[in-house]
Amino acid sequence: MTAFAFLGAALAEIAGCFAFWAWLRLGRSMWWIAPGILSLCLFAYLLTLPTAQQAGRSYAVYGGVYIASAVLWLWLAEGTKPDRWDILGACVCLAGAAIIYFGPRIASGT
């Protein structure tokens, strides 16, 4: 469930931000703002679903998923094939996110 929440949040955030990018940078209609706002609201909701006890830890793990998802967006939505540095960077971020998520915690929650 947590993985799906993070992936859904990443897709919603990227799509929402891209809607503003399309409006401001690509000259698309201002009507792109409405789905962008809805998508960003969905992103915020989805980020509340993971089971992490602290928001900051959840956001840190999400950051790794977001970076990898952004590289996929670059390829699938924008048609630019990621180079080895994009892929390596995304893998490093996912490894860091895994360390944060799966790292042992003591009972006090720290």
N, C-alpha and C. Protein backbone atom coordinates (compact mmCIF):
# COMPACT_ATOMS: atom_id res chain seq x y z
N MET A 1 0.82 -1.20 0.00
CA MET A 1 0.00 0.00 0.00
C MET A 1 0.86 1.26 0.00
N THR A 2 1.92 1.26 0.82
CA THR A 2 2.79 2.42 0.91
C THR A 2 3.45 2.72 -0.43
N ALA A 3 3.93 1.68 -1.11
CA ALA A 3 4.57 1.89 -2.41
C ALA A 3 3.60 2.50 -3.40
N PHE A 4 2.35 2.02 -3.41
CA PHE A 4 1.35 2.58 -4.32
C PHE A 4 1.02 4.03 -3.97
N ALA A 5 0.98 4.34 -2.67
CA ALA A 5 0.72 5.72 -2.25
C ALA A 5 1.85 6.64 -2.72
N PHE A 6 3.10 6.20 -2.55
CA PHE A 6 4.23 7.01 -2.99
C PHE A 6 4.24 7.17 -4.51
N LEU A 7 4.00 6.08 -5.24
CA LEU A 7 3.97 6.17 -6.70
C LEU A 7 2.83 7.04 -7.19
N GLY A 8 1.66 6.88 -6.58
CA GLY A 8 0.52 7.72 -6.95
C GLY A 8 0.77 9.18 -6.64
N ALA A 9 1.37 9.44 -5.48
CA ALA A 9 1.68 10.82 -5.10
C ALA A 9 2.69 11.43 -6.08
N ALA A 10 3.68 10.65 -6.47
CA ALA A 10 4.67 11.16 -7.42
C ALA A 10 4.02 11.50 -8.75
N LEU A 11 3.18 10.61 -9.26
CA LEU A 11 2.51 10.87 -10.53
C LEU A 11 1.61 12.10 -10.41
N ALA A 12 0.86 12.22 -9.31
CA ALA A 12 -0.02 13.37 -9.13
C ALA A 12 0.77 14.67 -9.01
N GLU A 13 1.88 14.64 -8.28
CA GLU A 13 2.69 15.86 -8.13
C GLU A 13 3.31 16.27 -9.46
N ILE A 14 3.89 15.32 -10.15
CA ILE A 14 4.53 15.64 -11.43
C ILE A 14 3.50 16.15 -12.42
N ALA A 15 2.34 15.48 -12.51
CA ALA A 15 1.30 15.92 -13.44
C ALA A 15 0.79 17.31 -13.07
N GLY A 16 0.59 17.56 -11.78
CA GLY A 16 0.12 18.87 -11.35
C GLY A 16 1.12 19.97 -11.65
N CYS A 17 2.37 19.71 -11.37
CA CYS A 17 3.41 20.71 -11.67
C CYS A 17 3.58 20.89 -13.18
N PHE A 18 3.45 19.79 -13.92
CA PHE A 18 3.58 19.90 -15.38
C PHE A 18 2.45 20.75 -15.96
N ALA A 19 1.26 20.67 -15.36
CA ALA A 19 0.15 21.50 -15.85
C ALA A 19 0.51 22.97 -15.76
N PHE A 20 1.14 23.38 -14.66
CA PHE A 20 1.59 24.77 -14.54
C PHE A 20 2.73 25.07 -15.50
N TRP A 21 3.63 24.12 -15.67
CA TRP A 21 4.73 24.26 -16.63
C TRP A 21 4.17 24.48 -18.03
N ALA A 22 3.17 23.67 -18.40
CA ALA A 22 2.57 23.77 -19.72
C ALA A 22 1.93 25.15 -19.92
N TRP A 23 1.26 25.65 -18.90
CA TRP A 23 0.62 26.95 -18.99
C TRP A 23 1.65 28.07 -19.08
N LEU A 24 2.63 28.06 -18.18
CA LEU A 24 3.58 29.17 -18.10
C LEU A 24 4.75 29.08 -19.08
N ARG A 25 5.20 27.88 -19.38
CA ARG A 25 6.40 27.74 -20.21
C ARG A 25 6.11 27.29 -21.64
N LEU A 26 4.99 26.58 -21.83
CA LEU A 26 4.69 26.07 -23.16
C LEU A 26 3.55 26.82 -23.83
N GLY A 27 3.03 27.85 -23.16
CA GLY A 27 2.00 28.68 -23.76
C GLY A 27 0.62 28.03 -23.88
N ARG A 28 0.37 27.02 -23.05
CA ARG A 28 -0.94 26.38 -23.08
C ARG A 28 -1.97 27.26 -22.39
N SER A 29 -3.22 26.93 -22.58
CA SER A 29 -4.33 27.68 -22.01
C SER A 29 -4.26 27.71 -20.48
N MET A 30 -4.80 28.80 -19.90
CA MET A 30 -4.83 28.89 -18.44
C MET A 30 -5.74 27.82 -17.84
N TRP A 31 -6.55 27.16 -18.66
CA TRP A 31 -7.42 26.08 -18.18
C TRP A 31 -6.62 24.87 -17.72
N TRP A 32 -5.34 24.82 -18.04
CA TRP A 32 -4.48 23.75 -17.54
C TRP A 32 -4.31 23.86 -16.02
N ILE A 33 -4.57 25.04 -15.48
CA ILE A 33 -4.38 25.24 -14.03
C ILE A 33 -5.36 24.39 -13.21
N ALA A 34 -6.61 24.28 -13.64
CA ALA A 34 -7.63 23.56 -12.86
C ALA A 34 -7.24 22.09 -12.62
N PRO A 35 -6.91 21.32 -13.67
CA PRO A 35 -6.49 19.94 -13.37
C PRO A 35 -5.17 19.89 -12.61
N GLY A 36 -4.33 20.91 -12.81
CA GLY A 36 -3.08 20.97 -12.06
C GLY A 36 -3.33 21.10 -10.57
N ILE A 37 -4.27 21.96 -10.19
CA ILE A 37 -4.60 22.14 -8.77
C ILE A 37 -5.21 20.86 -8.20
N LEU A 38 -6.12 20.25 -8.94
CA LEU A 38 -6.73 19.00 -8.47
C LEU A 38 -5.68 17.91 -8.29
N SER A 39 -4.76 17.84 -9.22
CA SER A 39 -3.71 16.83 -9.15
C SER A 39 -2.81 17.07 -7.93
N LEU A 40 -2.50 18.33 -7.65
CA LEU A 40 -1.67 18.63 -6.49
C LEU A 40 -2.41 18.36 -5.18
N CYS A 41 -3.72 18.54 -5.16
CA CYS A 41 -4.51 18.18 -3.97
C CYS A 41 -4.49 16.66 -3.77
N LEU A 42 -4.62 15.91 -4.86
CA LEU A 42 -4.54 14.45 -4.78
C LEU A 42 -3.17 14.02 -4.27
N PHE A 43 -2.12 14.67 -4.75
CA PHE A 43 -0.76 14.40 -4.29
C PHE A 43 -0.67 14.55 -2.77
N ALA A 44 -1.18 15.68 -2.25
CA ALA A 44 -1.10 15.94 -0.81
C ALA A 44 -1.86 14.87 -0.02
N TYR A 45 -3.02 14.48 -0.51
CA TYR A 45 -3.80 13.45 0.17
C TYR A 45 -3.05 12.12 0.17
N LEU A 46 -2.54 11.71 -0.99
CA LEU A 46 -1.86 10.42 -1.10
C LEU A 46 -0.64 10.34 -0.19
N LEU A 47 0.00 11.48 0.03
CA LEU A 47 1.20 11.48 0.87
C LEU A 47 0.86 11.30 2.35
N THR A 48 -0.42 11.39 2.71
CA THR A 48 -0.81 11.14 4.10
C THR A 48 -1.07 9.66 4.36
N LEU A 49 -1.13 8.82 3.32
CA LEU A 49 -1.50 7.42 3.48
C LEU A 49 -0.39 6.49 3.99
N PRO A 50 0.88 6.71 3.68
CA PRO A 50 1.91 5.79 4.18
C PRO A 50 1.91 5.72 5.70
N THR A 51 2.39 4.59 6.21
CA THR A 51 2.29 4.30 7.64
C THR A 51 3.42 4.87 8.49
N ALA A 52 4.32 5.64 7.95
CA ALA A 52 5.42 6.20 8.73
C ALA A 52 4.86 7.02 9.89
N GLN A 53 5.53 6.96 11.03
CA GLN A 53 5.08 7.67 12.21
C GLN A 53 5.37 9.17 12.15
N GLN A 54 6.39 9.56 11.41
CA GLN A 54 6.77 10.97 11.31
C GLN A 54 6.62 11.43 9.86
N ALA A 55 6.03 12.59 9.68
CA ALA A 55 5.83 13.13 8.33
C ALA A 55 7.17 13.34 7.62
N GLY A 56 8.14 13.88 8.32
CA GLY A 56 9.44 14.16 7.70
C GLY A 56 10.11 12.92 7.14
N ARG A 57 10.03 11.83 7.87
CA ARG A 57 10.62 10.57 7.39
C ARG A 57 9.86 10.08 6.16
N SER A 58 8.55 10.19 6.19
CA SER A 58 7.74 9.78 5.04
C SER A 58 8.09 10.65 3.82
N TYR A 59 8.23 11.94 4.03
CA TYR A 59 8.57 12.84 2.92
C TYR A 59 9.95 12.54 2.37
N ALA A 60 10.88 12.19 3.23
CA ALA A 60 12.23 11.87 2.78
C ALA A 60 12.23 10.63 1.88
N VAL A 61 11.50 9.61 2.30
CA VAL A 61 11.39 8.40 1.48
C VAL A 61 10.70 8.73 0.18
N TYR A 62 9.63 9.50 0.25
CA TYR A 62 8.91 9.91 -0.96
C TYR A 62 9.83 10.64 -1.93
N GLY A 63 10.75 11.43 -1.41
CA GLY A 63 11.67 12.17 -2.27
C GLY A 63 12.43 11.27 -3.23
N GLY A 64 12.89 10.12 -2.74
CA GLY A 64 13.58 9.18 -3.61
C GLY A 64 12.67 8.62 -4.69
N VAL A 65 11.43 8.30 -4.30
CA VAL A 65 10.46 7.79 -5.26
C VAL A 65 10.12 8.87 -6.29
N TYR A 66 9.99 10.11 -5.82
CA TYR A 66 9.69 11.23 -6.71
C TYR A 66 10.77 11.41 -7.77
N ILE A 67 12.02 11.36 -7.35
CA ILE A 67 13.13 11.56 -8.28
C ILE A 67 13.12 10.47 -9.35
N ALA A 68 12.96 9.23 -8.95
CA ALA A 68 12.91 8.14 -9.93
C ALA A 68 11.71 8.30 -10.86
N SER A 69 10.58 8.72 -10.31
CA SER A 69 9.38 8.93 -11.13
C SER A 69 9.57 10.08 -12.11
N ALA A 70 10.27 11.12 -11.69
CA ALA A 70 10.53 12.25 -12.58
C ALA A 70 11.40 11.83 -13.76
N VAL A 71 12.35 10.95 -13.51
CA VAL A 71 13.19 10.45 -14.61
C VAL A 71 12.33 9.62 -15.57
N LEU A 72 11.41 8.82 -15.04
CA LEU A 72 10.48 8.09 -15.91
C LEU A 72 9.59 9.04 -16.70
N TRP A 73 9.11 10.11 -16.07
CA TRP A 73 8.30 11.12 -16.74
C TRP A 73 9.08 11.73 -17.90
N LEU A 74 10.34 12.05 -17.64
CA LEU A 74 11.21 12.60 -18.68
C LEU A 74 11.19 11.72 -19.92
N TRP A 75 11.23 10.43 -19.70
CA TRP A 75 11.29 9.46 -20.79
C TRP A 75 9.91 9.23 -21.42
N LEU A 76 8.91 8.90 -20.60
CA LEU A 76 7.62 8.48 -21.12
C LEU A 76 6.73 9.64 -21.57
N ALA A 77 6.73 10.75 -20.84
CA ALA A 77 5.85 11.86 -21.17
C ALA A 77 6.51 12.91 -22.04
N GLU A 78 7.82 13.12 -21.85
CA GLU A 78 8.50 14.16 -22.60
C GLU A 78 9.34 13.62 -23.76
N GLY A 79 9.46 12.30 -23.84
CA GLY A 79 10.15 11.70 -24.97
C GLY A 79 11.66 11.84 -24.97
N THR A 80 12.26 12.14 -23.82
CA THR A 80 13.71 12.25 -23.71
C THR A 80 14.22 11.04 -22.95
N LYS A 81 15.02 10.24 -23.62
CA LYS A 81 15.55 9.03 -22.98
C LYS A 81 16.57 9.42 -21.90
N PRO A 82 16.37 8.90 -20.69
CA PRO A 82 17.33 9.21 -19.62
C PRO A 82 18.72 8.66 -19.96
N ASP A 83 19.75 9.42 -19.60
CA ASP A 83 21.10 8.92 -19.82
C ASP A 83 21.56 8.15 -18.58
N ARG A 84 22.76 7.64 -18.63
CA ARG A 84 23.24 6.81 -17.51
C ARG A 84 23.33 7.60 -16.21
N TRP A 85 23.56 8.90 -16.29
CA TRP A 85 23.66 9.71 -15.08
C TRP A 85 22.28 9.93 -14.47
N ASP A 86 21.26 10.09 -15.30
CA ASP A 86 19.89 10.17 -14.79
C ASP A 86 19.53 8.89 -14.04
N ILE A 87 19.84 7.76 -14.66
CA ILE A 87 19.50 6.46 -14.07
C ILE A 87 20.30 6.20 -12.81
N LEU A 88 21.59 6.49 -12.85
CA LEU A 88 22.43 6.30 -11.66
C LEU A 88 21.94 7.19 -10.52
N GLY A 89 21.65 8.44 -10.80
CA GLY A 89 21.17 9.35 -9.77
C GLY A 89 19.87 8.88 -9.16
N ALA A 90 18.94 8.39 -10.00
CA ALA A 90 17.66 7.88 -9.50
C ALA A 90 17.89 6.65 -8.62
N CYS A 91 18.81 5.78 -9.02
CA CYS A 91 19.10 4.58 -8.22
C CYS A 91 19.71 4.94 -6.87
N VAL A 92 20.60 5.92 -6.86
CA VAL A 92 21.20 6.36 -5.60
C VAL A 92 20.11 6.92 -4.68
N CYS A 93 19.20 7.71 -5.24
CA CYS A 93 18.11 8.27 -4.43
C CYS A 93 17.20 7.18 -3.89
N LEU A 94 16.88 6.17 -4.70
CA LEU A 94 16.06 5.06 -4.23
C LEU A 94 16.77 4.27 -3.15
N ALA A 95 18.08 4.10 -3.29
CA ALA A 95 18.84 3.41 -2.24
C ALA A 95 18.79 4.20 -0.94
N GLY A 96 18.94 5.50 -1.01
CA GLY A 96 18.84 6.34 0.19
C GLY A 96 17.45 6.26 0.81
N ALA A 97 16.43 6.28 -0.03
CA ALA A 97 15.06 6.18 0.48
C ALA A 97 14.84 4.84 1.18
N ALA A 98 15.40 3.77 0.61
CA ALA A 98 15.26 2.44 1.23
C ALA A 98 15.95 2.39 2.58
N ILE A 99 17.11 3.02 2.69
CA ILE A 99 17.81 3.06 3.98
C ILE A 99 16.95 3.77 5.02
N ILE A 100 16.37 4.88 4.64
CA ILE A 100 15.52 5.62 5.58
C ILE A 100 14.28 4.80 5.95
N TYR A 101 13.64 4.19 4.96
CA TYR A 101 12.39 3.48 5.20
C TYR A 101 12.59 2.19 5.99
N PHE A 102 13.61 1.43 5.63
CA PHE A 102 13.79 0.11 6.25
C PHE A 102 14.77 0.10 7.41
N GLY A 103 15.40 1.23 7.70
CA GLY A 103 16.36 1.28 8.80
C GLY A 103 15.72 0.94 10.13
N PRO A 104 16.45 0.21 10.98
CA PRO A 104 15.90 -0.16 12.28
C PRO A 104 15.67 1.09 13.15
N ARG A 105 14.62 1.08 13.90
CA ARG A 105 14.29 2.21 14.78
C ARG A 105 14.18 1.69 16.21
N ILE A 106 14.61 2.51 17.14
CA ILE A 106 14.44 2.12 18.54
C ILE A 106 13.02 2.48 18.98
N ALA A 107 12.58 1.93 20.07
CA ALA A 107 11.19 2.05 20.53
C ALA A 107 10.71 3.48 20.68
N SER A 108 11.60 4.42 20.98
CA SER A 108 11.15 5.80 21.21
C SER A 108 10.74 6.50 19.92
N GLY A 109 10.98 5.86 18.75
CA GLY A 109 10.56 6.44 17.49
C GLY A 109 11.60 7.29 16.81
N THR A 110 12.82 7.28 17.30
CA THR A 110 13.87 8.09 16.67
C THR A 110 14.66 7.29 15.67
